[in-house]
Amino acid sequence: MSYVDTSIIVAALDYLDPRRELALEILEKKEEVYELITVDEDFGREKENIKREHRRENSC
């Protein structure tokens, strides 16, 4: 299991972030990721913390 910095996840979700493509590539290369998103904004409101575990199969 590996850990991904929250800033990479946020960059991957932000369509206006110039680092988005690179962040998506990093996330797609991970086999298993423990994903932690600390804050998600929806129309200016903060949602509660979201914690989830992702298991990805090797795409070879």
PDB file of N, CA and C in Angstrom:
ATOM      1  N   MET A   1       0.845  -1.164   0.000  1.00  0.00           N
ATOM      2  CA  MET A   1       0.000   0.000   0.000  1.00  0.00           C
ATOM      3  C   MET A   1       0.894   1.231   0.000  1.00  0.00           C
ATOM      4  N   SER A   2       0.514   2.231  -0.745  1.00  0.00           N
ATOM      5  CA  SER A   2       1.288   3.461  -0.782  1.00  0.00           C
ATOM      6  C   SER A   2       0.398   4.640  -0.414  1.00  0.00           C
ATOM      7  N   TYR A   3       1.027   5.716  -0.070  1.00  0.00           N
ATOM      8  CA  TYR A   3       0.295   6.915   0.316  1.00  0.00           C
ATOM      9  C   TYR A   3       0.530   8.002  -0.716  1.00  0.00           C
ATOM     10  N   VAL A   4      -0.518   8.749  -1.009  1.00  0.00           N
ATOM     11  CA  VAL A   4      -0.434   9.826  -1.978  1.00  0.00           C
ATOM     12  C   VAL A   4      -0.726  11.126  -1.250  1.00  0.00           C
ATOM     13  N   ASP A   5       0.112  12.118  -1.471  1.00  0.00           N
ATOM     14  CA  ASP A   5      -0.086  13.415  -0.846  1.00  0.00           C
ATOM     15  C   ASP A   5      -1.409  14.022  -1.300  1.00  0.00           C
ATOM     16  N   THR A   6      -2.098  14.670  -0.377  1.00  0.00           N
ATOM     17  CA  THR A   6      -3.400  15.266  -0.669  1.00  0.00           C
ATOM     18  C   THR A   6      -3.319  16.276  -1.811  1.00  0.00           C
ATOM     19  N   SER A   7      -2.218  16.993  -1.935  1.00  0.00           N
ATOM     20  CA  SER A   7      -2.096  17.998  -2.995  1.00  0.00           C
ATOM     21  C   SER A   7      -2.154  17.367  -4.386  1.00  0.00           C
ATOM     22  N   ILE A   8      -1.685  16.132  -4.521  1.00  0.00           N
ATOM     23  CA  ILE A   8      -1.760  15.432  -5.809  1.00  0.00           C
ATOM     24  C   ILE A   8      -3.209  15.092  -6.133  1.00  0.00           C
ATOM     25  N   ILE A   9      -3.944  14.653  -5.126  1.00  0.00           N
ATOM     26  CA  ILE A   9      -5.353  14.320  -5.328  1.00  0.00           C
ATOM     27  C   ILE A   9      -6.145  15.569  -5.696  1.00  0.00           C
ATOM     28  N   VAL A  10      -5.897  16.668  -4.983  1.00  0.00           N
ATOM     29  CA  VAL A  10      -6.598  17.923  -5.256  1.00  0.00           C
ATOM     30  C   VAL A  10      -6.274  18.414  -6.664  1.00  0.00           C
ATOM     31  N   ALA A  11      -5.015  18.345  -7.065  1.00  0.00           N
ATOM     32  CA  ALA A  11      -4.628  18.775  -8.416  1.00  0.00           C
ATOM     33  C   ALA A  11      -5.318  17.925  -9.477  1.00  0.00           C
ATOM     34  N   ALA A  12      -5.467  16.636  -9.225  1.00  0.00           N
ATOM     35  CA  ALA A  12      -6.124  15.747 -10.188  1.00  0.00           C
ATOM     36  C   ALA A  12      -7.611  16.064 -10.324  1.00  0.00           C
ATOM     37  N   LEU A  13      -8.225  16.567  -9.276  1.00  0.00           N
ATOM     38  CA  LEU A  13      -9.656  16.878  -9.300  1.00  0.00           C
ATOM     39  C   LEU A  13      -9.963  18.260  -9.869  1.00  0.00           C
ATOM     40  N   ASP A  14      -8.973  19.138  -9.894  1.00  0.00           N
ATOM     41  CA  ASP A  14      -9.177  20.522 -10.321  1.00  0.00           C
ATOM     42  C   ASP A  14      -8.901  20.666 -11.816  1.00  0.00           C
ATOM     43  N   TYR A  15      -9.956  20.879 -12.583  1.00  0.00           N
ATOM     44  CA  TYR A  15      -9.819  20.985 -14.035  1.00  0.00           C
ATOM     45  C   TYR A  15      -9.006  22.211 -14.462  1.00  0.00           C
ATOM     46  N   LEU A  16      -8.892  23.212 -13.612  1.00  0.00           N
ATOM     47  CA  LEU A  16      -8.148  24.420 -13.954  1.00  0.00           C
ATOM     48  C   LEU A  16      -6.688  24.370 -13.514  1.00  0.00           C
ATOM     49  N   ASP A  17      -6.316  23.357 -12.778  1.00  0.00           N
ATOM     50  CA  ASP A  17      -4.946  23.237 -12.278  1.00  0.00           C
ATOM     51  C   ASP A  17      -4.037  22.754 -13.402  1.00  0.00           C
ATOM     52  N   PRO A  18      -2.964  23.492 -13.705  1.00  0.00           N
ATOM     53  CA  PRO A  18      -2.065  23.073 -14.786  1.00  0.00           C
ATOM     54  C   PRO A  18      -1.319  21.768 -14.483  1.00  0.00           C
ATOM     55  N   ARG A  19      -1.297  21.350 -13.224  1.00  0.00           N
ATOM     56  CA  ARG A  19      -0.627  20.100 -12.840  1.00  0.00           C
ATOM     57  C   ARG A  19      -1.559  18.898 -12.926  1.00  0.00           C
ATOM     58  N   ARG A  20      -2.782  19.097 -13.383  1.00  0.00           N
ATOM     59  CA  ARG A  20      -3.802  18.041 -13.375  1.00  0.00           C
ATOM     60  C   ARG A  20      -3.372  16.787 -14.136  1.00  0.00           C
ATOM     61  N   GLU A  21      -2.864  16.950 -15.345  1.00  0.00           N
ATOM     62  CA  GLU A  21      -2.469  15.788 -16.156  1.00  0.00           C
ATOM     63  C   GLU A  21      -1.375  14.976 -15.470  1.00  0.00           C
ATOM     64  N   LEU A  22      -0.390  15.653 -14.911  1.00  0.00           N
ATOM     65  CA  LEU A  22       0.686  14.967 -14.207  1.00  0.00           C
ATOM     66  C   LEU A  22       0.145  14.245 -12.971  1.00  0.00           C
ATOM     67  N   ALA A  23      -0.750  14.900 -12.242  1.00  0.00           N
ATOM     68  CA  ALA A  23      -1.338  14.283 -11.049  1.00  0.00           C
ATOM     69  C   ALA A  23      -2.139  13.038 -11.420  1.00  0.00           C
ATOM     70  N   LEU A  24      -2.890  13.098 -12.509  1.00  0.00           N
ATOM     71  CA  LEU A  24      -3.658  11.932 -12.955  1.00  0.00           C
ATOM     72  C   LEU A  24      -2.735  10.781 -13.337  1.00  0.00           C
ATOM     73  N   GLU A  25      -1.628  11.089 -13.994  1.00  0.00           N
ATOM     74  CA  GLU A  25      -0.659  10.050 -14.361  1.00  0.00           C
ATOM     75  C   GLU A  25      -0.091   9.375 -13.118  1.00  0.00           C
ATOM     76  N   ILE A  26       0.220  10.164 -12.102  1.00  0.00           N
ATOM     77  CA  ILE A  26       0.757   9.608 -10.856  1.00  0.00           C
ATOM     78  C   ILE A  26      -0.260   8.680 -10.212  1.00  0.00           C
ATOM     79  N   LEU A  27      -1.513   9.111 -10.150  1.00  0.00           N
ATOM     80  CA  LEU A  27      -2.549   8.295  -9.515  1.00  0.00           C
ATOM     81  C   LEU A  27      -2.835   7.022 -10.300  1.00  0.00           C
ATOM     82  N   GLU A  28      -2.771   7.094 -11.621  1.00  0.00           N
ATOM     83  CA  GLU A  28      -3.045   5.916 -12.444  1.00  0.00           C
ATOM     84  C   GLU A  28      -1.945   4.865 -12.338  1.00  0.00           C
ATOM     85  N   LYS A  29      -0.727   5.259 -11.987  1.00  0.00           N
ATOM     86  CA  LYS A  29       0.380   4.316 -11.870  1.00  0.00           C
ATOM     87  C   LYS A  29       0.363   3.555 -10.553  1.00  0.00           C
ATOM     88  N   LYS A  30      -0.378   4.034  -9.574  1.00  0.00           N
ATOM     89  CA  LYS A  30      -0.419   3.394  -8.260  1.00  0.00           C
ATOM     90  C   LYS A  30      -1.290   2.146  -8.326  1.00  0.00           C
ATOM     91  N   GLU A  31      -0.842   1.063  -7.697  1.00  0.00           N
ATOM     92  CA  GLU A  31      -1.638  -0.164  -7.658  1.00  0.00           C
ATOM     93  C   GLU A  31      -2.662  -0.106  -6.532  1.00  0.00           C
ATOM     94  N   GLU A  32      -2.219   0.228  -5.338  1.00  0.00           N
ATOM     95  CA  GLU A  32      -3.117   0.390  -4.203  1.00  0.00           C
ATOM     96  C   GLU A  32      -2.826   1.745  -3.587  1.00  0.00           C
ATOM     97  N   VAL A  33      -3.856   2.514  -3.365  1.00  0.00           N
ATOM     98  CA  VAL A  33      -3.677   3.845  -2.809  1.00  0.00           C
ATOM     99  C   VAL A  33      -4.616   4.020  -1.636  1.00  0.00           C
ATOM    100  N   TYR A  34      -4.069   4.496  -0.534  1.00  0.00           N
ATOM    101  CA  TYR A  34      -4.900   4.896   0.589  1.00  0.00           C
ATOM    102  C   TYR A  34      -5.114   6.383   0.392  1.00  0.00           C
ATOM    103  N   GLU A  35      -6.334   6.762   0.075  1.00  0.00           N
ATOM    104  CA  GLU A  35      -6.629   8.113  -0.363  1.00  0.00           C
ATOM    105  C   GLU A  35      -7.286   8.896   0.759  1.00  0.00           C
ATOM    106  N   LEU A  36      -6.776  10.073   1.046  1.00  0.00           N
ATOM    107  CA  LEU A  36      -7.354  10.930   2.065  1.00  0.00           C
ATOM    108  C   LEU A  36      -7.583  12.304   1.476  1.00  0.00           C
ATOM    109  N   ILE A  37      -8.834  12.705   1.415  1.00  0.00           N
ATOM    110  CA  ILE A  37      -9.180  14.047   0.963  1.00  0.00           C
ATOM    111  C   ILE A  37      -9.668  14.788   2.194  1.00  0.00           C
ATOM    112  N   THR A  38      -8.960  15.820   2.595  1.00  0.00           N
ATOM    113  CA  THR A  38      -9.303  16.474   3.850  1.00  0.00           C
ATOM    114  C   THR A  38     -10.435  17.479   3.712  1.00  0.00           C
ATOM    115  N   VAL A  39     -10.513  18.193   2.607  1.00  0.00           N
ATOM    116  CA  VAL A  39     -11.579  19.171   2.427  1.00  0.00           C
ATOM    117  C   VAL A  39     -12.042  19.116   0.985  1.00  0.00           C
ATOM    118  N   ASP A  40     -13.343  19.080   0.798  1.00  0.00           N
ATOM    119  CA  ASP A  40     -13.915  19.124  -0.536  1.00  0.00           C
ATOM    120  C   ASP A  40     -14.900  20.286  -0.557  1.00  0.00           C
ATOM    121  N   GLU A  41     -14.775  21.187  -1.505  1.00  0.00           N
ATOM    122  CA  GLU A  41     -15.668  22.335  -1.559  1.00  0.00           C
ATOM    123  C   GLU A  41     -16.761  22.086  -2.586  1.00  0.00           C
ATOM    124  N   ASP A  42     -17.981  22.423  -2.205  1.00  0.00           N
ATOM    125  CA  ASP A  42     -19.124  22.295  -3.097  1.00  0.00           C
ATOM    126  C   ASP A  42     -19.889  23.605  -3.020  1.00  0.00           C
ATOM    127  N   PHE A  43     -19.777  24.446  -4.038  1.00  0.00           N
ATOM    128  CA  PHE A  43     -20.412  25.753  -4.068  1.00  0.00           C
ATOM    129  C   PHE A  43     -20.035  26.584  -2.841  1.00  0.00           C
ATOM    130  N   GLY A  44     -18.745  26.546  -2.495  1.00  0.00           N
ATOM    131  CA  GLY A  44     -18.239  27.381  -1.419  1.00  0.00           C
ATOM    132  C   GLY A  44     -18.414  26.812  -0.025  1.00  0.00           C
ATOM    133  N   ARG A  45     -19.060  25.676   0.123  1.00  0.00           N
ATOM    134  CA  ARG A  45     -19.248  25.055   1.442  1.00  0.00           C
ATOM    135  C   ARG A  45     -18.269  23.925   1.625  1.00  0.00           C
ATOM    136  N   GLU A  46     -17.769  23.782   2.842  1.00  0.00           N
ATOM    137  CA  GLU A  46     -16.859  22.681   3.137  1.00  0.00           C
ATOM    138  C   GLU A  46     -17.674  21.462   3.542  1.00  0.00           C
ATOM    139  N   LYS A  47     -17.289  20.320   3.032  1.00  0.00           N
ATOM    140  CA  LYS A  47     -17.931  19.062   3.412  1.00  0.00           C
ATOM    141  C   LYS A  47     -17.105  18.386   4.483  1.00  0.00           C
ATOM    142  N   GLU A  48     -17.651  17.360   5.085  1.00  0.00           N
ATOM    143  CA  GLU A  48     -16.905  16.613   6.096  1.00  0.00           C
ATOM    144  C   GLU A  48     -15.760  15.847   5.457  1.00  0.00           C
ATOM    145  N   ASN A  49     -14.822  15.442   6.267  1.00  0.00           N
ATOM    146  CA  ASN A  49     -13.656  14.703   5.768  1.00  0.00           C
ATOM    147  C   ASN A  49     -14.095  13.398   5.122  1.00  0.00           C
ATOM    148  N   ILE A  50     -13.400  13.039   4.060  1.00  0.00           N
ATOM    149  CA  ILE A  50     -13.692  11.801   3.344  1.00  0.00           C
ATOM    150  C   ILE A  50     -12.438  10.943   3.379  1.00  0.00           C
ATOM    151  N   LYS A  51     -12.610   9.719   3.819  1.00  0.00           N
ATOM    152  CA  LYS A  51     -11.473   8.806   3.857  1.00  0.00           C
ATOM    153  C   LYS A  51     -11.912   7.516   3.178  1.00  0.00           C
ATOM    154  N   ARG A  52     -11.156   7.063   2.223  1.00  0.00           N
ATOM    155  CA  ARG A  52     -11.513   5.815   1.553  1.00  0.00           C
ATOM    156  C   ARG A  52     -10.269   5.083   1.068  1.00  0.00           C
ATOM    157  N   GLU A  53     -10.429   3.825   0.927  1.00  0.00           N
ATOM    158  CA  GLU A  53      -9.316   3.010   0.439  1.00  0.00           C
ATOM    159  C   GLU A  53      -9.625   2.576  -0.983  1.00  0.00           C
ATOM    160  N   HIS A  54      -8.644   2.737  -1.844  1.00  0.00           N
ATOM    161  CA  HIS A  54      -8.791   2.349  -3.249  1.00  0.00           C
ATOM    162  C   HIS A  54      -7.878   1.165  -3.521  1.00  0.00           C
ATOM    163  N   ARG A  55      -8.391   0.218  -4.202  1.00  0.00           N
ATOM    164  CA  ARG A  55      -7.533  -0.870  -4.676  1.00  0.00           C
ATOM    165  C   ARG A  55      -7.620  -0.886  -6.191  1.00  0.00           C
ATOM    166  N   ARG A  56      -6.489  -0.757  -6.794  1.00  0.00           N
ATOM    167  CA  ARG A  56      -6.439  -0.746  -8.253  1.00  0.00           C
ATOM    168  C   ARG A  56      -5.665  -1.952  -8.741  1.00  0.00           C
ATOM    169  N   GLU A  57      -6.153  -2.533  -9.798  1.00  0.00           N
ATOM    170  CA  GLU A  57      -5.453  -3.675 -10.382  1.00  0.00           C
ATOM    171  C   GLU A  57      -4.332  -3.184 -11.289  1.00  0.00           C
ATOM    172  N   ASN A  58      -3.320  -3.978 -11.356  1.00  0.00           N
ATOM    173  CA  ASN A  58      -2.201  -3.647 -12.233  1.00  0.00           C
ATOM    174  C   ASN A  58      -2.680  -3.725 -13.677  1.00  0.00           C
ATOM    175  N   SER A  59      -2.421  -2.689 -14.445  1.00  0.00           N
ATOM    176  CA  SER A  59      -2.943  -2.621 -15.818  1.00  0.00           C
ATOM    177  C   SER A  59      -1.980  -3.181 -16.861  1.00  0.00           C
ATOM    178  N   CYS A  60      -1.070  -4.027 -16.455  1.00  0.00           N
ATOM    179  CA  CYS A  60      -0.121  -4.626 -17.416  1.00  0.00           C
ATOM    180  C   CYS A  60      -0.777  -5.692 -18.245  1.00  0.00           C
TER     181      CYS A  60
END
